PDB file of N, CA and C in Angstrom:
ATOM      1  N   MET A   1      28.272 -44.925  35.955  1.00  0.00           N
ATOM      2  CA  MET A   1      26.895 -45.485  36.103  1.00  0.00           C
ATOM      3  C   MET A   1      26.752 -45.952  37.604  1.00  0.00           C
ATOM      4  N   LYS A   2      25.619 -45.556  38.177  1.00  0.00           N
ATOM      5  CA  LYS A   2      25.364 -46.029  39.586  1.00  0.00           C
ATOM      6  C   LYS A   2      24.868 -47.443  39.705  1.00  0.00           C
ATOM      7  N   THR A   3      25.277 -48.084  40.673  1.00  0.00           N
ATOM      8  CA  THR A   3      24.763 -49.447  40.827  1.00  0.00           C
ATOM      9  C   THR A   3      23.527 -49.413  41.664  1.00  0.00           C
ATOM     10  N   GLU A   4      22.838 -50.487  41.716  1.00  0.00           N
ATOM     11  CA  GLU A   4      21.519 -50.597  42.478  1.00  0.00           C
ATOM     12  C   GLU A   4      21.724 -50.338  44.015  1.00  0.00           C
ATOM     13  N   SER A   5      22.839 -50.806  44.537  1.00  0.00           N
ATOM     14  CA  SER A   5      23.065 -50.670  46.046  1.00  0.00           C
ATOM     15  C   SER A   5      23.341 -49.206  46.362  1.00  0.00           C
ATOM     16  N   THR A   6      23.957 -48.464  45.364  1.00  0.00           N
ATOM     17  CA  THR A   6      24.252 -47.017  45.608  1.00  0.00           C
ATOM     18  C   THR A   6      22.936 -46.312  45.610  1.00  0.00           C
ATOM     19  N   SER A   7      22.060 -46.560  44.707  1.00  0.00           N
ATOM     20  CA  SER A   7      20.759 -45.842  44.717  1.00  0.00           C
ATOM     21  C   SER A   7      19.890 -46.153  45.946  1.00  0.00           C
ATOM     22  N   LYS A   8      20.025 -47.418  46.305  1.00  0.00           N
ATOM     23  CA  LYS A   8      19.280 -47.850  47.580  1.00  0.00           C
ATOM     24  C   LYS A   8      19.799 -47.126  48.787  1.00  0.00           C
ATOM     25  N   SER A   9      21.056 -47.014  48.900  1.00  0.00           N
ATOM     26  CA  SER A   9      21.684 -46.336  50.032  1.00  0.00           C
ATOM     27  C   SER A   9      21.393 -44.858  50.012  1.00  0.00           C
ATOM     28  N   GLU A  10      21.360 -44.237  48.857  1.00  0.00           N
ATOM     29  CA  GLU A  10      20.984 -42.860  48.704  1.00  0.00           C
ATOM     30  C   GLU A  10      19.575 -42.596  49.058  1.00  0.00           C
ATOM     31  N   ARG A  11      18.723 -43.479  48.640  1.00  0.00           N
ATOM     32  CA  ARG A  11      17.225 -43.344  49.012  1.00  0.00           C
ATOM     33  C   ARG A  11      17.017 -43.543  50.481  1.00  0.00           C
ATOM     34  N   THR A  12      17.810 -44.432  51.125  1.00  0.00           N
ATOM     35  CA  THR A  12      17.728 -44.662  52.595  1.00  0.00           C
ATOM     36  C   THR A  12      18.257 -43.448  53.326  1.00  0.00           C
ATOM     37  N   SER A  13      19.292 -42.907  52.907  1.00  0.00           N
ATOM     38  CA  SER A  13      19.893 -41.724  53.575  1.00  0.00           C
ATOM     39  C   SER A  13      19.017 -40.549  53.390  1.00  0.00           C
ATOM     40  N   ASN A  14      18.437 -40.379  52.219  1.00  0.00           N
ATOM     41  CA  ASN A  14      17.553 -39.180  51.999  1.00  0.00           C
ATOM     42  C   ASN A  14      16.285 -39.323  52.903  1.00  0.00           C
ATOM     43  N   PHE A  15      15.720 -40.496  53.043  1.00  0.00           N
ATOM     44  CA  PHE A  15      14.578 -40.734  53.913  1.00  0.00           C
ATOM     45  C   PHE A  15      14.953 -40.446  55.309  1.00  0.00           C
ATOM     46  N   ILE A  16      16.049 -40.948  55.776  1.00  0.00           N
ATOM     47  CA  ILE A  16      16.438 -40.710  57.192  1.00  0.00           C
ATOM     48  C   ILE A  16      16.707 -39.203  57.487  1.00  0.00           C
ATOM     49  N   PHE A  17      17.368 -38.504  56.487  1.00  0.00           N
ATOM     50  CA  PHE A  17      17.599 -37.106  56.711  1.00  0.00           C
ATOM     51  C   PHE A  17      16.305 -36.295  56.687  1.00  0.00           C
ATOM     52  N   ILE A  18      15.370 -36.655  55.851  1.00  0.00           N
ATOM     53  CA  ILE A  18      14.082 -35.975  55.856  1.00  0.00           C
ATOM     54  C   ILE A  18      13.306 -36.262  57.127  1.00  0.00           C
ATOM     55  N   PHE A  19      13.304 -37.449  57.629  1.00  0.00           N
ATOM     56  CA  PHE A  19      12.651 -37.862  58.838  1.00  0.00           C
ATOM     57  C   PHE A  19      13.254 -37.090  59.968  1.00  0.00           C
ATOM     58  N   LEU A  20      14.569 -37.085  60.061  1.00  0.00           N
ATOM     59  CA  LEU A  20      15.219 -36.338  61.251  1.00  0.00           C
ATOM     60  C   LEU A  20      14.942 -34.893  61.242  1.00  0.00           C
ATOM     61  N   THR A  21      14.980 -34.269  60.039  1.00  0.00           N
ATOM     62  CA  THR A  21      14.800 -32.834  60.007  1.00  0.00           C
ATOM     63  C   THR A  21      13.311 -32.544  60.268  1.00  0.00           C
ATOM     64  N   SER A  22      12.422 -33.393  59.881  1.00  0.00           N
ATOM     65  CA  SER A  22      11.028 -33.106  60.139  1.00  0.00           C
ATOM     66  C   SER A  22      10.728 -33.319  61.682  1.00  0.00           C
ATOM     67  N   LEU A  23      11.409 -34.226  62.331  1.00  0.00           N
ATOM     68  CA  LEU A  23      11.327 -34.393  63.759  1.00  0.00           C
ATOM     69  C   LEU A  23      11.861 -33.158  64.471  1.00  0.00           C
ATOM     70  N   GLY A  24      13.038 -32.622  64.060  1.00  0.00           N
ATOM     71  CA  GLY A  24      13.572 -31.450  64.572  1.00  0.00           C
ATOM     72  C   GLY A  24      12.717 -30.173  64.346  1.00  0.00           C
ATOM     73  N   LEU A  25      12.182 -30.041  63.189  1.00  0.00           N
ATOM     74  CA  LEU A  25      11.253 -28.968  62.884  1.00  0.00           C
ATOM     75  C   LEU A  25      10.014 -29.041  63.752  1.00  0.00           C
ATOM     76  N   GLY A  26       9.473 -30.210  63.923  1.00  0.00           N
ATOM     77  CA  GLY A  26       8.248 -30.350  64.803  1.00  0.00           C
ATOM     78  C   GLY A  26       8.558 -30.046  66.172  1.00  0.00           C
ATOM     79  N   TYR A  27       9.745 -30.454  66.705  1.00  0.00           N
ATOM     80  CA  TYR A  27      10.112 -30.102  68.065  1.00  0.00           C
ATOM     81  C   TYR A  27      10.302 -28.674  68.276  1.00  0.00           C
ATOM     82  N   THR A  28      10.992 -27.980  67.346  1.00  0.00           N
ATOM     83  CA  THR A  28      11.129 -26.469  67.496  1.00  0.00           C
ATOM     84  C   THR A  28       9.832 -25.746  67.350  1.00  0.00           C
ATOM     85  N   LEU A  29       8.899 -26.270  66.493  1.00  0.00           N
ATOM     86  CA  LEU A  29       7.645 -25.594  66.362  1.00  0.00           C
ATOM     87  C   LEU A  29       6.786 -25.725  67.608  1.00  0.00           C
ATOM     88  N   VAL A  30       6.817 -26.953  68.233  1.00  0.00           N
ATOM     89  CA  VAL A  30       6.124 -27.135  69.473  1.00  0.00           C
ATOM     90  C   VAL A  30       6.630 -26.296  70.549  1.00  0.00           C
ATOM     91  N   ASN A  31       7.990 -26.177  70.685  1.00  0.00           N
ATOM     92  CA  ASN A  31       8.636 -25.338  71.640  1.00  0.00           C
ATOM     93  C   ASN A  31       8.303 -23.869  71.474  1.00  0.00           C
ATOM     94  N   HIS A  32       8.202 -23.485  70.205  1.00  0.00           N
ATOM     95  CA  HIS A  32       7.966 -22.092  69.872  1.00  0.00           C
ATOM     96  C   HIS A  32       6.558 -21.657  70.195  1.00  0.00           C
ATOM     97  N   PHE A  33       5.589 -22.458  69.651  1.00  0.00           N
ATOM     98  CA  PHE A  33       4.164 -21.993  69.741  1.00  0.00           C
ATOM     99  C   PHE A  33       3.371 -22.560  70.933  1.00  0.00           C
ATOM    100  N   ILE A  34       3.686 -23.766  71.362  1.00  0.00           N
ATOM    101  CA  ILE A  34       2.948 -24.385  72.456  1.00  0.00           C
ATOM    102  C   ILE A  34       3.545 -24.072  73.840  1.00  0.00           C
ATOM    103  N   PHE A  35       4.775 -24.301  73.982  1.00  0.00           N
ATOM    104  CA  PHE A  35       5.473 -24.092  75.248  1.00  0.00           C
ATOM    105  C   PHE A  35       5.965 -22.660  75.446  1.00  0.00           C
ATOM    106  N   ASP A  36       5.871 -21.762  74.468  1.00  0.00           N
ATOM    107  CA  ASP A  36       6.223 -20.355  74.559  1.00  0.00           C
ATOM    108  C   ASP A  36       7.715 -20.271  74.987  1.00  0.00           C
ATOM    109  N   LYS A  37       8.521 -21.128  74.375  1.00  0.00           N
ATOM    110  CA  LYS A  37       9.960 -21.061  74.520  1.00  0.00           C
ATOM    111  C   LYS A  37      10.603 -20.791  73.182  1.00  0.00           C
ATOM    112  N   PRO A  38      10.478 -19.510  72.723  1.00  0.00           N
ATOM    113  CA  PRO A  38      10.993 -19.309  71.365  1.00  0.00           C
ATOM    114  C   PRO A  38      12.471 -19.427  71.253  1.00  0.00           C
ATOM    115  N   ARG A  39      12.890 -20.184  70.358  1.00  0.00           N
ATOM    116  CA  ARG A  39      14.319 -20.289  69.959  1.00  0.00           C
ATOM    117  C   ARG A  39      14.352 -20.062  68.416  1.00  0.00           C
ATOM    118  N   THR A  40      14.349 -18.748  68.145  1.00  0.00           N
ATOM    119  CA  THR A  40      14.212 -18.420  66.689  1.00  0.00           C
ATOM    120  C   THR A  40      15.356 -18.935  65.875  1.00  0.00           C
ATOM    121  N   GLU A  41      16.565 -18.913  66.357  1.00  0.00           N
ATOM    122  CA  GLU A  41      17.738 -19.415  65.612  1.00  0.00           C
ATOM    123  C   GLU A  41      17.586 -20.922  65.359  1.00  0.00           C
ATOM    124  N   THR A  42      17.177 -21.639  66.238  1.00  0.00           N
ATOM    125  CA  THR A  42      16.978 -23.113  66.054  1.00  0.00           C
ATOM    126  C   THR A  42      15.804 -23.289  64.992  1.00  0.00           C
ATOM    127  N   LEU A  43      14.708 -22.496  65.162  1.00  0.00           N
ATOM    128  CA  LEU A  43      13.686 -22.662  64.199  1.00  0.00           C
ATOM    129  C   LEU A  43      14.095 -22.348  62.715  1.00  0.00           C
ATOM    130  N   VAL A  44      14.868 -21.281  62.559  1.00  0.00           N
ATOM    131  CA  VAL A  44      15.384 -20.871  61.251  1.00  0.00           C
ATOM    132  C   VAL A  44      16.277 -22.015  60.708  1.00  0.00           C
ATOM    133  N   VAL A  45      17.160 -22.579  61.456  1.00  0.00           N
ATOM    134  CA  VAL A  45      18.105 -23.642  61.138  1.00  0.00           C
ATOM    135  C   VAL A  45      17.258 -24.843  60.716  1.00  0.00           C
ATOM    136  N   MET A  46      16.292 -25.224  61.446  1.00  0.00           N
ATOM    137  CA  MET A  46      15.447 -26.393  61.089  1.00  0.00           C
ATOM    138  C   MET A  46      14.704 -26.228  59.873  1.00  0.00           C
ATOM    139  N   ILE A  47      14.116 -25.072  59.657  1.00  0.00           N
ATOM    140  CA  ILE A  47      13.436 -24.736  58.475  1.00  0.00           C
ATOM    141  C   ILE A  47      14.322 -24.847  57.196  1.00  0.00           C
ATOM    142  N   CYS A  48      15.517 -24.316  57.340  1.00  0.00           N
ATOM    143  CA  CYS A  48      16.478 -24.308  56.237  1.00  0.00           C
ATOM    144  C   CYS A  48      16.882 -25.761  55.938  1.00  0.00           C
ATOM    145  N   LEU A  49      17.161 -26.554  56.929  1.00  0.00           N
ATOM    146  CA  LEU A  49      17.580 -27.937  56.740  1.00  0.00           C
ATOM    147  C   LEU A  49      16.461 -28.752  56.108  1.00  0.00           C
ATOM    148  N   PHE A  50      15.234 -28.553  56.575  1.00  0.00           N
ATOM    149  CA  PHE A  50      14.123 -29.230  55.998  1.00  0.00           C
ATOM    150  C   PHE A  50      13.865 -28.886  54.518  1.00  0.00           C
ATOM    151  N   MET A  51      13.968 -27.638  54.208  1.00  0.00           N
ATOM    152  CA  MET A  51      13.863 -27.182  52.835  1.00  0.00           C
ATOM    153  C   MET A  51      14.931 -27.767  51.968  1.00  0.00           C
ATOM    154  N   LEU A  52      16.169 -27.754  52.491  1.00  0.00           N
ATOM    155  CA  LEU A  52      17.282 -28.278  51.684  1.00  0.00           C
ATOM    156  C   LEU A  52      17.143 -29.843  51.491  1.00  0.00           C
ATOM    157  N   SER A  53      16.691 -30.534  52.440  1.00  0.00           N
ATOM    158  CA  SER A  53      16.490 -31.970  52.343  1.00  0.00           C
ATOM    159  C   SER A  53      15.460 -32.308  51.331  1.00  0.00           C
ATOM    160  N   ILE A  54      14.310 -31.559  51.381  1.00  0.00           N
ATOM    161  CA  ILE A  54      13.276 -31.772  50.364  1.00  0.00           C
ATOM    162  C   ILE A  54      13.736 -31.390  48.952  1.00  0.00           C
ATOM    163  N   ALA A  55      14.472 -30.264  48.859  1.00  0.00           N
ATOM    164  CA  ALA A  55      14.969 -29.880  47.500  1.00  0.00           C
ATOM    165  C   ALA A  55      15.950 -30.919  46.962  1.00  0.00           C
ATOM    166  N   SER A  56      16.829 -31.471  47.885  1.00  0.00           N
ATOM    167  CA  SER A  56      17.778 -32.483  47.434  1.00  0.00           C
ATOM    168  C   SER A  56      17.007 -33.725  46.919  1.00  0.00           C
ATOM    169  N   TRP A  57      16.033 -34.104  47.699  1.00  0.00           N
ATOM    170  CA  TRP A  57      15.344 -35.286  47.271  1.00  0.00           C
ATOM    171  C   TRP A  57      14.508 -35.106  46.020  1.00  0.00           C
ATOM    172  N   LYS A  58      13.921 -33.952  45.783  1.00  0.00           N
ATOM    173  CA  LYS A  58      13.231 -33.702  44.571  1.00  0.00           C
ATOM    174  C   LYS A  58      14.182 -33.580  43.384  1.00  0.00           C
ATOM    175  N   ARG A  59      15.325 -33.003  43.573  1.00  0.00           N
ATOM    176  CA  ARG A  59      16.335 -32.847  42.493  1.00  0.00           C
ATOM    177  C   ARG A  59      16.855 -34.289  42.051  1.00  0.00           C
ATOM    178  N   LYS A  60      17.126 -35.139  43.044  1.00  0.00           N
ATOM    179  CA  LYS A  60      17.590 -36.505  42.683  1.00  0.00           C
ATOM    180  C   LYS A  60      16.456 -37.331  42.057  1.00  0.00           C
ATOM    181  N   LYS A  61      15.265 -37.024  42.530  1.00  0.00           N
ATOM    182  CA  LYS A  61      14.059 -37.745  41.902  1.00  0.00           C
ATOM    183  C   LYS A  61      13.827 -37.338  40.446  1.00  0.00           C
ATOM    184  N   ASN A  62      14.039 -36.030  40.153  1.00  0.00           N
ATOM    185  CA  ASN A  62      13.788 -35.548  38.779  1.00  0.00           C
ATOM    186  C   ASN A  62      14.908 -35.915  37.866  1.00  0.00           C
ATOM    187  N   ILE A  63      16.109 -36.057  38.335  1.00  0.00           N
ATOM    188  CA  ILE A  63      17.279 -36.481  37.472  1.00  0.00           C
ATOM    189  C   ILE A  63      17.062 -37.795  36.878  1.00  0.00           C
ATOM    190  N   LYS A  64      16.427 -38.746  37.537  1.00  0.00           N
ATOM    191  CA  LYS A  64      16.190 -40.051  37.026  1.00  0.00           C
ATOM    192  C   LYS A  64      15.288 -40.185  35.918  1.00  0.00           C
TER     193      LYS A  64
END
């Protein structure tokens, strides 16, 4: 059984991971479309990380 402090730390780490990946995704999208400095590999990695972080958050949310 999980304690309250464990679930709080999981929520905090999920929030931080989603926040950081959304910042990275925004940065790569701005570089790609506004500054015309396409880094396709970075864009693909950030999209994958963002999707994984959202899927992990949703999975943990639905388990409860």
